[in-house]
N, C-alpha and C. Protein backbone atom coordinates (compact mmCIF):
# COMPACT_ATOMS: atom_id res chain seq x y z
N MET A 1 -16.79 -141.52 -174.11
CA MET A 1 -16.39 -141.33 -175.49
C MET A 1 -17.27 -140.23 -176.09
N ALA A 2 -16.66 -139.28 -176.77
CA ALA A 2 -17.39 -138.18 -177.39
C ALA A 2 -17.10 -138.16 -178.88
N SER A 3 -18.07 -137.73 -179.66
CA SER A 3 -17.84 -137.62 -181.10
C SER A 3 -18.39 -136.30 -181.60
N GLN A 4 -17.76 -135.75 -182.64
CA GLN A 4 -18.19 -134.51 -183.25
C GLN A 4 -18.11 -134.68 -184.76
N CYS A 5 -19.07 -134.09 -185.47
CA CYS A 5 -19.05 -134.13 -186.93
C CYS A 5 -18.43 -132.84 -187.44
N GLN A 6 -17.47 -132.93 -188.34
CA GLN A 6 -16.84 -131.78 -188.97
C GLN A 6 -16.91 -132.01 -190.47
N GLY A 7 -17.96 -131.44 -191.10
CA GLY A 7 -18.16 -131.69 -192.52
C GLY A 7 -18.52 -133.15 -192.73
N ASN A 8 -17.78 -133.81 -193.59
CA ASN A 8 -17.99 -135.24 -193.82
C ASN A 8 -17.12 -136.10 -192.92
N ARG A 9 -16.30 -135.48 -192.13
CA ARG A 9 -15.39 -136.22 -191.25
C ARG A 9 -15.94 -136.25 -189.84
N ARG A 10 -15.69 -137.31 -189.18
CA ARG A 10 -16.15 -137.47 -187.80
C ARG A 10 -14.93 -137.60 -186.89
N LYS A 11 -14.91 -136.80 -185.84
CA LYS A 11 -13.83 -136.84 -184.87
C LYS A 11 -14.31 -137.61 -183.64
N ILE A 12 -13.54 -138.60 -183.22
CA ILE A 12 -13.90 -139.42 -182.06
C ILE A 12 -12.80 -139.31 -181.02
N GLN A 13 -13.21 -139.10 -179.75
CA GLN A 13 -12.27 -139.08 -178.65
C GLN A 13 -12.53 -140.29 -177.78
N VAL A 14 -11.46 -140.97 -177.43
CA VAL A 14 -11.57 -142.15 -176.58
C VAL A 14 -10.67 -141.95 -175.37
N SER A 15 -11.19 -142.29 -174.19
CA SER A 15 -10.41 -142.17 -172.96
C SER A 15 -10.13 -143.55 -172.39
N TYR A 16 -8.94 -143.75 -171.90
CA TYR A 16 -8.54 -145.00 -171.26
C TYR A 16 -7.91 -144.70 -169.91
N VAL A 17 -8.09 -145.60 -168.99
CA VAL A 17 -7.39 -145.53 -167.72
C VAL A 17 -6.31 -146.59 -167.75
N ILE A 18 -5.07 -146.15 -167.71
CA ILE A 18 -3.94 -147.08 -167.70
C ILE A 18 -3.45 -147.15 -166.26
N ARG A 19 -3.41 -148.36 -165.75
CA ARG A 19 -3.01 -148.52 -164.36
C ARG A 19 -2.09 -149.71 -164.23
N ASN A 20 -1.50 -149.83 -163.06
CA ASN A 20 -0.65 -150.98 -162.78
C ASN A 20 -1.49 -152.25 -162.80
N GLU A 21 -0.87 -153.37 -163.12
CA GLU A 21 -1.58 -154.64 -163.15
C GLU A 21 -2.19 -154.97 -161.79
N VAL A 22 -1.46 -154.71 -160.75
CA VAL A 22 -1.95 -154.92 -159.39
C VAL A 22 -1.83 -153.61 -158.64
N GLU A 23 -2.97 -153.10 -158.17
CA GLU A 23 -2.96 -151.89 -157.36
C GLU A 23 -3.34 -152.26 -155.94
N HIS A 24 -2.58 -151.82 -155.00
CA HIS A 24 -2.79 -152.18 -153.60
C HIS A 24 -3.61 -151.15 -152.84
N GLN A 25 -4.35 -150.32 -153.56
CA GLN A 25 -5.21 -149.33 -152.91
C GLN A 25 -6.30 -148.91 -153.90
N HIS A 26 -7.35 -148.31 -153.39
CA HIS A 26 -8.41 -147.79 -154.25
C HIS A 26 -7.93 -146.54 -154.96
N ARG A 27 -8.36 -146.35 -156.20
CA ARG A 27 -8.00 -145.17 -156.98
C ARG A 27 -8.92 -143.99 -156.70
N SER A 28 -10.04 -144.26 -156.06
CA SER A 28 -11.02 -143.22 -155.77
C SER A 28 -11.67 -143.53 -154.42
N GLY A 29 -12.74 -142.82 -154.09
CA GLY A 29 -13.36 -142.95 -152.78
C GLY A 29 -13.86 -144.35 -152.46
N VAL A 30 -13.84 -144.69 -151.18
CA VAL A 30 -14.35 -145.97 -150.69
C VAL A 30 -15.80 -145.76 -150.26
N ASN A 31 -16.71 -146.61 -150.74
CA ASN A 31 -18.13 -146.47 -150.44
C ASN A 31 -18.65 -147.38 -149.34
N SER A 32 -18.02 -148.54 -149.15
CA SER A 32 -18.56 -149.50 -148.19
C SER A 32 -17.47 -150.42 -147.66
N LEU A 33 -17.68 -150.90 -146.43
CA LEU A 33 -16.75 -151.83 -145.79
C LEU A 33 -17.53 -152.96 -145.14
N GLN A 34 -16.94 -154.16 -145.13
CA GLN A 34 -17.48 -155.30 -144.40
C GLN A 34 -16.30 -156.02 -143.76
N TYR A 35 -16.47 -156.44 -142.51
CA TYR A 35 -15.41 -157.13 -141.80
C TYR A 35 -15.87 -158.53 -141.44
N ASP A 36 -15.01 -159.52 -141.70
CA ASP A 36 -15.28 -160.91 -141.33
C ASP A 36 -14.43 -161.25 -140.12
N GLU A 37 -15.09 -161.39 -138.98
CA GLU A 37 -14.41 -161.67 -137.71
C GLU A 37 -13.67 -163.00 -137.74
N THR A 38 -14.23 -164.00 -138.43
CA THR A 38 -13.62 -165.33 -138.45
C THR A 38 -12.30 -165.34 -139.22
N SER A 39 -12.30 -164.79 -140.43
CA SER A 39 -11.10 -164.82 -141.26
C SER A 39 -10.19 -163.62 -141.04
N LYS A 40 -10.68 -162.63 -140.29
CA LYS A 40 -9.95 -161.38 -140.04
C LYS A 40 -9.68 -160.63 -141.34
N ARG A 41 -10.63 -160.74 -142.27
CA ARG A 41 -10.52 -160.04 -143.56
C ARG A 41 -11.44 -158.83 -143.57
N LEU A 42 -10.96 -157.76 -144.21
CA LEU A 42 -11.75 -156.57 -144.43
C LEU A 42 -12.01 -156.47 -145.93
N TYR A 43 -13.26 -156.24 -146.29
CA TYR A 43 -13.65 -156.07 -147.69
C TYR A 43 -14.01 -154.61 -147.89
N SER A 44 -13.48 -153.98 -148.94
CA SER A 44 -13.78 -152.58 -149.23
C SER A 44 -14.25 -152.46 -150.67
N SER A 45 -15.20 -151.56 -150.89
CA SER A 45 -15.69 -151.32 -152.25
C SER A 45 -15.66 -149.83 -152.51
N GLY A 46 -15.48 -149.48 -153.79
CA GLY A 46 -15.35 -148.06 -154.05
C GLY A 46 -15.76 -147.58 -155.41
N ARG A 47 -15.47 -146.32 -155.61
CA ARG A 47 -15.83 -145.62 -156.84
C ARG A 47 -14.95 -146.01 -158.02
N ASP A 48 -13.95 -146.85 -157.78
CA ASP A 48 -13.12 -147.34 -158.87
C ASP A 48 -13.66 -148.66 -159.44
N SER A 49 -14.85 -149.08 -159.01
CA SER A 49 -15.56 -150.30 -159.46
C SER A 49 -14.91 -151.59 -158.97
N ILE A 50 -14.05 -151.50 -157.97
CA ILE A 50 -13.30 -152.67 -157.51
C ILE A 50 -13.62 -152.95 -156.05
N ILE A 51 -13.71 -154.24 -155.73
CA ILE A 51 -13.81 -154.69 -154.34
C ILE A 51 -12.44 -155.25 -153.98
N ARG A 52 -11.90 -154.80 -152.88
CA ARG A 52 -10.58 -155.25 -152.45
C ARG A 52 -10.69 -156.02 -151.14
N ILE A 53 -9.80 -157.01 -150.98
CA ILE A 53 -9.77 -157.84 -149.78
C ILE A 53 -8.47 -157.56 -149.04
N TRP A 54 -8.58 -157.35 -147.72
CA TRP A 54 -7.45 -157.00 -146.87
C TRP A 54 -7.32 -157.99 -145.73
N ASP A 55 -6.09 -158.35 -145.40
CA ASP A 55 -5.80 -159.20 -144.24
C ASP A 55 -5.46 -158.27 -143.08
N THR A 56 -6.35 -158.19 -142.10
CA THR A 56 -6.14 -157.25 -141.01
C THR A 56 -5.07 -157.71 -140.02
N CYS A 57 -4.64 -158.96 -140.14
CA CYS A 57 -3.57 -159.46 -139.25
C CYS A 57 -2.18 -159.15 -139.79
N ASN A 58 -2.09 -158.81 -141.06
CA ASN A 58 -0.81 -158.54 -141.70
C ASN A 58 -0.63 -157.03 -141.80
N THR A 59 0.17 -156.46 -140.94
CA THR A 59 0.34 -155.01 -140.93
C THR A 59 1.36 -154.50 -141.95
N THR A 60 2.24 -155.38 -142.45
CA THR A 60 3.24 -154.94 -143.42
C THR A 60 2.72 -154.99 -144.86
N ALA A 61 1.90 -155.99 -145.19
CA ALA A 61 1.34 -156.11 -146.54
C ALA A 61 -0.10 -156.64 -146.45
N PRO A 62 -1.05 -155.77 -146.05
CA PRO A 62 -2.41 -156.25 -145.80
C PRO A 62 -3.22 -156.59 -147.05
N TYR A 63 -2.85 -156.04 -148.21
CA TYR A 63 -3.62 -156.29 -149.44
C TYR A 63 -3.53 -157.76 -149.84
N LEU A 64 -4.68 -158.39 -150.09
CA LEU A 64 -4.71 -159.78 -150.55
C LEU A 64 -5.04 -159.88 -152.03
N GLN A 65 -6.18 -159.31 -152.44
CA GLN A 65 -6.56 -159.40 -153.85
C GLN A 65 -7.70 -158.44 -154.17
N SER A 66 -7.97 -158.30 -155.46
CA SER A 66 -9.06 -157.46 -155.95
C SER A 66 -10.09 -158.33 -156.64
N MET A 67 -11.34 -157.91 -156.53
CA MET A 67 -12.43 -158.57 -157.25
C MET A 67 -12.98 -157.54 -158.23
N GLU A 68 -12.72 -157.78 -159.51
CA GLU A 68 -13.09 -156.82 -160.54
C GLU A 68 -14.07 -157.45 -161.51
N HIS A 69 -15.31 -156.96 -161.47
CA HIS A 69 -16.31 -157.45 -162.41
C HIS A 69 -17.36 -156.39 -162.68
N HIS A 70 -17.44 -155.37 -161.81
CA HIS A 70 -18.38 -154.27 -162.03
C HIS A 70 -17.78 -153.28 -163.02
N THR A 71 -18.65 -152.51 -163.67
CA THR A 71 -18.19 -151.52 -164.64
C THR A 71 -18.45 -150.09 -164.18
N ASP A 72 -18.94 -149.92 -162.95
CA ASP A 72 -19.20 -148.60 -162.40
C ASP A 72 -19.03 -148.69 -160.88
N TRP A 73 -19.26 -147.60 -160.17
CA TRP A 73 -19.08 -147.56 -158.73
C TRP A 73 -19.71 -148.77 -158.04
N VAL A 74 -19.02 -149.30 -157.05
CA VAL A 74 -19.61 -150.31 -156.16
C VAL A 74 -20.08 -149.54 -154.92
N ASN A 75 -21.40 -149.44 -154.77
CA ASN A 75 -22.00 -148.57 -153.76
C ASN A 75 -22.16 -149.22 -152.40
N ASP A 76 -22.37 -150.53 -152.37
CA ASP A 76 -22.59 -151.20 -151.09
C ASP A 76 -22.19 -152.66 -151.21
N ILE A 77 -21.77 -153.25 -150.09
CA ILE A 77 -21.45 -154.67 -150.03
C ILE A 77 -21.98 -155.24 -148.72
N VAL A 78 -22.37 -156.52 -148.75
CA VAL A 78 -22.74 -157.24 -147.53
C VAL A 78 -22.09 -158.61 -147.56
N LEU A 79 -21.60 -159.03 -146.42
CA LEU A 79 -21.00 -160.35 -146.25
C LEU A 79 -22.06 -161.25 -145.65
N CYS A 80 -22.29 -162.42 -146.25
CA CYS A 80 -23.35 -163.30 -145.76
C CYS A 80 -22.92 -164.76 -145.83
N CYS A 81 -23.83 -165.65 -145.46
CA CYS A 81 -23.58 -167.10 -145.46
C CYS A 81 -22.32 -167.44 -144.65
N LYS A 82 -22.25 -166.89 -143.44
CA LYS A 82 -21.13 -167.14 -142.53
C LYS A 82 -19.78 -166.76 -143.13
N GLY A 83 -19.77 -165.68 -143.91
CA GLY A 83 -18.53 -165.16 -144.48
C GLY A 83 -18.09 -165.80 -145.78
N THR A 84 -18.88 -166.71 -146.34
CA THR A 84 -18.46 -167.37 -147.59
C THR A 84 -18.92 -166.62 -148.84
N THR A 85 -19.92 -165.76 -148.70
CA THR A 85 -20.48 -165.06 -149.86
C THR A 85 -20.49 -163.56 -149.60
N LEU A 86 -20.12 -162.80 -150.62
CA LEU A 86 -20.18 -161.34 -150.57
C LEU A 86 -21.14 -160.90 -151.67
N ILE A 87 -22.02 -159.97 -151.36
CA ILE A 87 -22.95 -159.44 -152.35
C ILE A 87 -22.63 -157.97 -152.53
N SER A 88 -22.63 -157.51 -153.79
CA SER A 88 -22.29 -156.12 -154.08
C SER A 88 -23.39 -155.47 -154.90
N ALA A 89 -23.58 -154.16 -154.67
CA ALA A 89 -24.55 -153.34 -155.40
C ALA A 89 -23.78 -152.25 -156.12
N SER A 90 -24.12 -152.03 -157.39
CA SER A 90 -23.32 -151.11 -158.19
C SER A 90 -24.15 -150.13 -159.01
N SER A 91 -23.51 -149.04 -159.39
CA SER A 91 -24.12 -148.08 -160.30
C SER A 91 -24.20 -148.63 -161.72
N ASP A 92 -23.62 -149.80 -162.00
CA ASP A 92 -23.80 -150.42 -163.31
C ASP A 92 -25.14 -151.16 -163.39
N THR A 93 -26.01 -150.98 -162.40
CA THR A 93 -27.38 -151.50 -162.27
C THR A 93 -27.43 -152.98 -161.91
N THR A 94 -26.32 -153.57 -161.49
CA THR A 94 -26.32 -154.99 -161.16
C THR A 94 -26.06 -155.23 -159.68
N VAL A 95 -26.47 -156.41 -159.24
CA VAL A 95 -26.11 -156.96 -157.94
C VAL A 95 -25.30 -158.20 -158.26
N LYS A 96 -24.11 -158.30 -157.69
CA LYS A 96 -23.25 -159.46 -157.97
C LYS A 96 -23.04 -160.28 -156.71
N VAL A 97 -22.93 -161.58 -156.92
CA VAL A 97 -22.72 -162.53 -155.84
C VAL A 97 -21.32 -163.11 -156.01
N TRP A 98 -20.49 -162.99 -154.97
CA TRP A 98 -19.08 -163.36 -155.03
C TRP A 98 -18.76 -164.50 -154.06
N ASN A 99 -17.80 -165.33 -154.43
CA ASN A 99 -17.20 -166.26 -153.50
C ASN A 99 -16.20 -165.42 -152.70
N ALA A 100 -16.51 -165.17 -151.44
CA ALA A 100 -15.69 -164.27 -150.63
C ALA A 100 -14.33 -164.85 -150.31
N ASN A 101 -14.21 -166.16 -150.24
CA ASN A 101 -12.93 -166.80 -149.91
C ASN A 101 -11.98 -166.83 -151.09
N LYS A 102 -12.49 -167.11 -152.27
CA LYS A 102 -11.64 -167.23 -153.46
C LYS A 102 -11.63 -165.99 -154.34
N GLY A 103 -12.60 -165.08 -154.12
CA GLY A 103 -12.59 -163.80 -154.81
C GLY A 103 -13.06 -163.81 -156.25
N PHE A 104 -14.03 -164.66 -156.60
CA PHE A 104 -14.54 -164.63 -157.98
C PHE A 104 -16.05 -164.44 -157.98
N CYS A 105 -16.55 -163.87 -159.08
CA CYS A 105 -17.98 -163.60 -159.24
C CYS A 105 -18.70 -164.89 -159.62
N MET A 106 -19.71 -165.25 -158.82
CA MET A 106 -20.48 -166.47 -159.08
C MET A 106 -21.75 -166.20 -159.87
N SER A 107 -22.30 -164.99 -159.74
CA SER A 107 -23.57 -164.70 -160.42
C SER A 107 -23.79 -163.20 -160.51
N THR A 108 -24.52 -162.78 -161.53
CA THR A 108 -24.91 -161.39 -161.71
C THR A 108 -26.43 -161.32 -161.78
N LEU A 109 -27.02 -160.52 -160.91
CA LEU A 109 -28.47 -160.35 -160.86
C LEU A 109 -28.81 -159.03 -161.54
N ARG A 110 -29.62 -159.09 -162.59
CA ARG A 110 -29.93 -157.91 -163.40
C ARG A 110 -31.41 -157.55 -163.31
N THR A 111 -31.87 -157.15 -162.14
CA THR A 111 -33.28 -156.83 -161.99
C THR A 111 -33.53 -155.32 -161.92
N HIS A 112 -32.55 -154.56 -161.49
CA HIS A 112 -32.73 -153.11 -161.36
C HIS A 112 -32.56 -152.43 -162.71
N LYS A 113 -33.22 -151.29 -162.86
CA LYS A 113 -33.16 -150.52 -164.11
C LYS A 113 -32.34 -149.24 -163.95
N ASP A 114 -31.80 -149.00 -162.76
CA ASP A 114 -30.99 -147.82 -162.50
C ASP A 114 -29.97 -148.19 -161.41
N TYR A 115 -29.17 -147.22 -160.98
CA TYR A 115 -28.15 -147.48 -159.97
C TYR A 115 -28.70 -148.28 -158.79
N VAL A 116 -27.95 -149.27 -158.33
CA VAL A 116 -28.30 -150.00 -157.12
C VAL A 116 -27.46 -149.40 -156.00
N LYS A 117 -28.13 -148.84 -154.99
CA LYS A 117 -27.43 -148.04 -153.99
C LYS A 117 -27.29 -148.68 -152.63
N ALA A 118 -28.20 -149.60 -152.25
CA ALA A 118 -28.16 -150.11 -150.88
C ALA A 118 -28.52 -151.59 -150.83
N LEU A 119 -27.91 -152.28 -149.85
CA LEU A 119 -28.19 -153.68 -149.59
C LEU A 119 -28.48 -153.84 -148.10
N ALA A 120 -29.30 -154.82 -147.75
CA ALA A 120 -29.55 -155.18 -146.36
C ALA A 120 -29.59 -156.69 -146.28
N TYR A 121 -29.04 -157.24 -145.20
CA TYR A 121 -28.91 -158.68 -145.05
C TYR A 121 -29.62 -159.15 -143.79
N ALA A 122 -30.47 -160.16 -143.93
CA ALA A 122 -31.12 -160.82 -142.79
C ALA A 122 -30.51 -162.20 -142.66
N GLY A 123 -29.54 -162.33 -141.77
CA GLY A 123 -28.76 -163.55 -141.62
C GLY A 123 -29.54 -164.76 -141.15
N ASP A 124 -30.56 -164.52 -140.33
CA ASP A 124 -31.30 -165.66 -139.80
C ASP A 124 -32.13 -166.37 -140.87
N VAL A 125 -32.45 -165.69 -141.96
CA VAL A 125 -33.22 -166.31 -143.05
C VAL A 125 -32.44 -166.31 -144.37
N GLU A 126 -31.18 -165.87 -144.35
CA GLU A 126 -30.32 -165.81 -145.54
C GLU A 126 -31.02 -165.10 -146.70
N GLN A 127 -31.46 -163.86 -146.45
CA GLN A 127 -32.08 -163.05 -147.49
C GLN A 127 -31.37 -161.70 -147.56
N VAL A 128 -31.29 -161.18 -148.78
CA VAL A 128 -30.71 -159.86 -149.01
C VAL A 128 -31.72 -159.02 -149.77
N ALA A 129 -31.88 -157.77 -149.36
CA ALA A 129 -32.72 -156.81 -150.07
C ALA A 129 -31.79 -155.85 -150.80
N SER A 130 -32.15 -155.51 -152.04
CA SER A 130 -31.40 -154.52 -152.81
C SER A 130 -32.35 -153.39 -153.18
N ALA A 131 -31.85 -152.15 -153.12
CA ALA A 131 -32.67 -150.97 -153.43
C ALA A 131 -31.86 -150.04 -154.30
N GLY A 132 -32.57 -149.35 -155.19
CA GLY A 132 -31.85 -148.47 -156.10
C GLY A 132 -32.64 -147.25 -156.52
N PHE A 133 -32.03 -146.49 -157.41
CA PHE A 133 -32.64 -145.27 -157.92
C PHE A 133 -33.86 -145.54 -158.80
N ASP A 134 -34.11 -146.79 -159.16
CA ASP A 134 -35.31 -147.12 -159.93
C ASP A 134 -36.53 -147.23 -159.03
N THR A 135 -36.39 -146.87 -157.75
CA THR A 135 -37.42 -146.88 -156.71
C THR A 135 -37.92 -148.28 -156.37
N SER A 136 -37.16 -149.31 -156.70
CA SER A 136 -37.57 -150.69 -156.43
C SER A 136 -36.71 -151.30 -155.33
N ILE A 137 -37.33 -152.20 -154.58
CA ILE A 137 -36.62 -153.02 -153.61
C ILE A 137 -36.87 -154.47 -154.00
N PHE A 138 -35.81 -155.23 -154.17
CA PHE A 138 -35.92 -156.65 -154.48
C PHE A 138 -35.40 -157.45 -153.30
N LEU A 139 -36.08 -158.52 -152.99
CA LEU A 139 -35.70 -159.40 -151.89
C LEU A 139 -35.24 -160.72 -152.49
N TRP A 140 -34.03 -161.16 -152.10
CA TRP A 140 -33.40 -162.34 -152.69
C TRP A 140 -33.15 -163.41 -151.64
N ASP A 141 -33.36 -164.65 -152.02
CA ASP A 141 -32.91 -165.78 -151.21
C ASP A 141 -31.45 -165.99 -151.58
N VAL A 142 -30.54 -165.78 -150.64
CA VAL A 142 -29.11 -165.82 -150.94
C VAL A 142 -28.64 -167.23 -151.35
N VAL A 143 -29.21 -168.25 -150.75
CA VAL A 143 -28.76 -169.62 -151.03
C VAL A 143 -29.13 -170.04 -152.45
N THR A 144 -30.36 -169.72 -152.88
CA THR A 144 -30.81 -170.15 -154.21
C THR A 144 -30.69 -169.06 -155.27
N LEU A 145 -30.45 -167.82 -154.84
CA LEU A 145 -30.38 -166.65 -155.73
C LEU A 145 -31.69 -166.45 -156.50
N VAL A 146 -32.80 -166.75 -155.82
CA VAL A 146 -34.12 -166.59 -156.41
C VAL A 146 -34.77 -165.34 -155.83
N ALA A 147 -35.36 -164.54 -156.72
CA ALA A 147 -36.11 -163.39 -156.23
C ALA A 147 -37.40 -163.90 -155.62
N LEU A 148 -37.65 -163.52 -154.38
CA LEU A 148 -38.86 -163.97 -153.70
C LEU A 148 -40.06 -163.20 -154.23
N THR A 149 -41.17 -163.88 -154.47
CA THR A 149 -42.32 -163.27 -155.13
C THR A 149 -43.57 -163.39 -154.27
N THR A 150 -44.62 -162.69 -154.69
CA THR A 150 -45.89 -162.77 -153.98
C THR A 150 -46.50 -164.16 -154.09
N SER A 151 -46.11 -164.94 -155.08
CA SER A 151 -46.66 -166.29 -155.22
C SER A 151 -46.19 -167.21 -154.10
N ASN A 152 -45.05 -166.89 -153.47
CA ASN A 152 -44.63 -167.69 -152.31
C ASN A 152 -44.74 -166.86 -151.03
N ASN A 153 -45.74 -165.97 -151.03
CA ASN A 153 -46.14 -165.19 -149.85
C ASN A 153 -45.08 -164.22 -149.35
N THR A 154 -44.21 -163.76 -150.19
CA THR A 154 -43.23 -162.77 -149.80
C THR A 154 -43.27 -161.62 -150.80
N VAL A 155 -43.26 -160.41 -150.32
CA VAL A 155 -43.29 -159.25 -151.21
C VAL A 155 -41.93 -159.11 -151.87
N THR A 156 -41.90 -159.01 -153.19
CA THR A 156 -40.65 -158.86 -153.93
C THR A 156 -40.27 -157.41 -154.10
N MET A 157 -41.22 -156.60 -154.51
CA MET A 157 -40.88 -155.24 -154.88
C MET A 157 -41.86 -154.27 -154.27
N MET A 158 -41.33 -153.21 -153.75
CA MET A 158 -42.17 -152.14 -153.23
C MET A 158 -41.78 -150.86 -153.96
N ILE A 159 -42.75 -150.07 -154.36
CA ILE A 159 -42.45 -148.80 -155.00
C ILE A 159 -42.22 -147.77 -153.90
N ILE A 160 -41.05 -147.18 -153.90
CA ILE A 160 -40.72 -146.15 -152.93
C ILE A 160 -40.13 -144.97 -153.68
N ASN A 161 -40.07 -143.84 -153.04
CA ASN A 161 -39.53 -142.65 -153.68
C ASN A 161 -38.14 -142.35 -153.14
N TYR A 162 -37.13 -142.59 -153.95
CA TYR A 162 -35.76 -142.20 -153.68
C TYR A 162 -35.25 -142.66 -152.32
N ALA A 163 -35.30 -143.94 -152.08
CA ALA A 163 -34.79 -144.46 -150.81
C ALA A 163 -33.29 -144.33 -150.76
N ILE A 164 -32.78 -143.78 -149.69
CA ILE A 164 -31.34 -143.65 -149.51
C ILE A 164 -30.80 -144.83 -148.72
N GLY A 165 -31.52 -145.27 -147.70
CA GLY A 165 -31.08 -146.39 -146.88
C GLY A 165 -32.18 -147.42 -146.77
N VAL A 166 -31.79 -148.68 -146.67
CA VAL A 166 -32.77 -149.76 -146.53
C VAL A 166 -32.22 -150.75 -145.52
N PHE A 167 -33.11 -151.34 -144.72
CA PHE A 167 -32.65 -152.33 -143.76
C PHE A 167 -33.74 -153.37 -143.54
N VAL A 168 -33.36 -154.53 -143.05
CA VAL A 168 -34.31 -155.57 -142.69
C VAL A 168 -34.25 -155.70 -141.17
N ASN A 169 -35.39 -155.47 -140.51
CA ASN A 169 -35.40 -155.54 -139.06
C ASN A 169 -35.56 -156.98 -138.58
N PRO A 170 -35.43 -157.26 -137.29
CA PRO A 170 -35.49 -158.65 -136.80
C PRO A 170 -36.79 -159.37 -137.13
N GLN A 171 -37.87 -158.64 -137.38
CA GLN A 171 -39.13 -159.28 -137.76
C GLN A 171 -39.18 -159.55 -139.27
N GLN A 172 -38.09 -159.33 -139.96
CA GLN A 172 -37.91 -159.56 -141.39
C GLN A 172 -38.78 -158.66 -142.25
N ASN A 173 -39.10 -157.47 -141.78
CA ASN A 173 -39.82 -156.49 -142.56
C ASN A 173 -38.81 -155.58 -143.23
N ILE A 174 -39.04 -155.25 -144.47
CA ILE A 174 -38.16 -154.32 -145.16
C ILE A 174 -38.55 -152.91 -144.77
N CYS A 175 -37.57 -152.13 -144.35
CA CYS A 175 -37.82 -150.75 -143.95
C CYS A 175 -36.88 -149.86 -144.75
N SER A 176 -37.27 -148.62 -144.93
CA SER A 176 -36.42 -147.69 -145.65
C SER A 176 -36.39 -146.37 -144.90
N SER A 177 -35.28 -145.67 -145.01
CA SER A 177 -35.14 -144.40 -144.33
C SER A 177 -34.65 -143.34 -145.31
N ASN A 178 -34.68 -142.08 -144.89
CA ASN A 178 -34.17 -140.96 -145.69
C ASN A 178 -34.94 -140.77 -147.00
N PHE A 179 -36.26 -140.78 -146.96
CA PHE A 179 -37.05 -140.53 -148.17
C PHE A 179 -36.92 -139.09 -148.58
N MET A 180 -36.98 -138.83 -149.87
CA MET A 180 -36.96 -137.46 -150.38
C MET A 180 -38.33 -137.10 -150.88
C-alpha cells in the first residue's frame, strides 16, 4: 500500500490479489518439497505463502488441499513425527506447526525477528532447528513445542552470519553451511 500527500488531500493506493476460491497449483515459485512415503503425499511450499498437499497416487486429480496461514513466502518445510506434523518457515518471521493429515495450523512460533529461511529435523530426538536472516538458530522440541535452552543443557541460539543452509547431523550437533 502506498500513500502520497497532495496539498491537504491524501491519495492512497491499495492492491488486492483476486483469485479462485480453490487453486490447484502454486501462483509463484515453489521453494520446498517434502514427501511422505507412508501416505504417498507430497507437500509443496512456495512464494505464494501457501502449502499444498498432493496425492501422488492420483494422476488425474492429484491436488488434495491447501494450508493457508502464512502471510509471506514459505521458504522451507519439514515433515516430522512419522508424517503427522509438518513444520514451515516463512518470510513472515514465523515458524508454524501443522497437522499434516488434516491440514490445519496447530501453533505459531514467533521467536525470529527476520525472515526464517531454513529448517532441519532430527527424527531420532524429535527436534527441529530453525534459522533465519536475524542470524539466530532456534532448536525446538517438536512434541512439546518448547524452545530448548541452556538451562536444560541444550544450546538454543547461536549467533551466525547469514546462514544459508542449516542441518542437524547424526550426533545432534547443529551445523551451518554457505556462510557469507
